[in-house]
Amino acid sequence: MLNRPTFFILLILLALRASQPFAAADGGRKFAYTYEATTEAQGDIGLETWVTWKHHRGPGRVDEFDFRHELEWGEETECELTVRTLG
């Protein structure tokens, strides 16, 4: 059986490996850690998936993963429709 740290390391490596095919379809943002308000071109579809890992120490030690998915569809030249799910 795997202990907790090894399990989480394997889980993170698996998630990174699964996301590699999508990394090639980068949107071309200038800075990785800032949110640019860019819009999709007319008819284009974009998918953004965010994962946040929080680790709380102490007597009630907890690992918390927050997922956010955002589907963007270019409606017109400067207008897009965005649907967000939080999980």
Protein backbone atom coordinates (compact mmCIF):
# COMPACT_ATOMS: atom_id res chain seq x y z
CA MET A 1 0.00 0.00 0.00
CA LEU A 2 1.22 3.53 -0.76
CA ASN A 3 1.68 6.04 2.00
CA ARG A 4 0.00 9.47 1.68
CA PRO A 5 2.97 11.55 0.41
CA THR A 6 3.84 8.97 -2.25
CA PHE A 7 0.19 8.75 -3.31
CA PHE A 8 -0.10 12.54 -3.74
CA ILE A 9 3.18 12.73 -5.67
CA LEU A 10 1.96 9.99 -8.02
CA LEU A 11 -1.40 11.75 -8.36
CA ILE A 12 0.28 15.04 -9.30
CA LEU A 13 2.61 13.31 -11.79
CA LEU A 14 -0.36 11.54 -13.37
CA ALA A 15 -2.26 14.84 -13.67
CA LEU A 16 0.77 16.52 -15.26
CA ARG A 17 1.19 13.66 -17.71
CA ALA A 18 -2.49 13.74 -18.64
CA SER A 19 -2.35 17.49 -19.34
CA GLN A 20 0.69 17.38 -21.65
CA PRO A 21 -1.22 16.93 -24.95
CA PHE A 22 -3.23 20.07 -24.15
CA ALA A 23 -0.12 22.10 -23.27
CA ALA A 24 0.81 22.29 -26.98
CA ALA A 25 -2.42 24.22 -27.69
CA ASP A 26 -1.35 27.22 -25.62
CA GLY A 27 -3.39 30.38 -25.98
CA GLY A 28 -0.31 32.57 -26.27
CA ARG A 29 -0.61 34.57 -23.06
CA LYS A 30 2.31 36.87 -22.41
CA PHE A 31 2.53 36.09 -18.69
CA ALA A 32 1.66 32.74 -17.16
CA TYR A 33 0.68 33.98 -13.69
CA THR A 34 -1.61 36.86 -14.66
CA TYR A 35 -5.09 36.75 -16.11
CA GLU A 36 -5.37 38.58 -19.40
CA ALA A 37 -8.85 39.51 -20.57
CA THR A 38 -8.50 38.09 -24.07
CA THR A 39 -11.51 36.99 -26.11
CA GLU A 40 -11.87 33.97 -28.37
CA ALA A 41 -12.13 34.65 -32.11
CA GLN A 42 -15.56 34.24 -33.66
CA GLY A 43 -16.47 30.53 -33.74
CA ASP A 44 -13.46 29.41 -31.66
CA ILE A 45 -13.88 27.36 -28.50
CA GLY A 46 -11.48 27.41 -25.54
CA LEU A 47 -11.29 25.30 -22.39
CA GLU A 48 -9.42 26.35 -19.25
CA THR A 49 -9.01 24.00 -16.30
CA TRP A 50 -7.58 25.23 -13.00
CA VAL A 51 -6.52 23.09 -10.06
CA THR A 52 -5.63 24.46 -6.62
CA TRP A 53 -4.16 22.28 -3.89
CA LYS A 54 -4.42 23.46 -0.28
CA HIS A 55 -2.73 21.61 2.57
CA HIS A 56 -3.84 22.43 6.10
CA ARG A 57 -1.55 21.32 8.94
CA GLY A 58 -2.50 20.66 12.52
CA PRO A 59 -4.66 18.16 14.33
CA GLY A 60 -7.25 18.01 11.56
CA ARG A 61 -4.71 17.66 8.72
CA VAL A 62 -6.53 18.08 5.41
CA ASP A 63 -5.56 18.11 1.74
CA GLU A 64 -8.08 20.04 -0.34
CA PHE A 65 -8.27 20.13 -4.13
CA ASP A 66 -10.35 22.81 -5.86
CA PHE A 67 -11.16 22.43 -9.56
CA ARG A 68 -12.43 25.15 -11.88
CA HIS A 69 -13.42 24.57 -15.50
CA GLU A 70 -14.14 27.39 -17.92
CA LEU A 71 -15.57 26.87 -21.41
CA GLU A 72 -15.31 29.89 -23.71
CA TRP A 73 -17.01 30.28 -27.08
CA GLY A 74 -16.41 33.22 -29.43
CA GLU A 75 -19.82 34.69 -30.25
CA GLU A 76 -18.68 37.70 -32.31
CA THR A 77 -15.43 39.56 -32.95
CA GLU A 78 -15.23 41.19 -29.50
CA CYS A 79 -17.83 39.13 -27.62
CA GLU A 80 -17.66 35.67 -26.08
CA LEU A 81 -19.87 33.38 -24.04
CA THR A 82 -18.27 31.85 -20.94
CA VAL A 83 -19.56 29.03 -18.74
CA ARG A 84 -17.76 28.30 -15.47
CA THR A 85 -18.13 25.30 -13.19
CA LEU A 86 -16.67 25.07 -9.73
CA GLY A 87 -16.09 21.69 -8.17
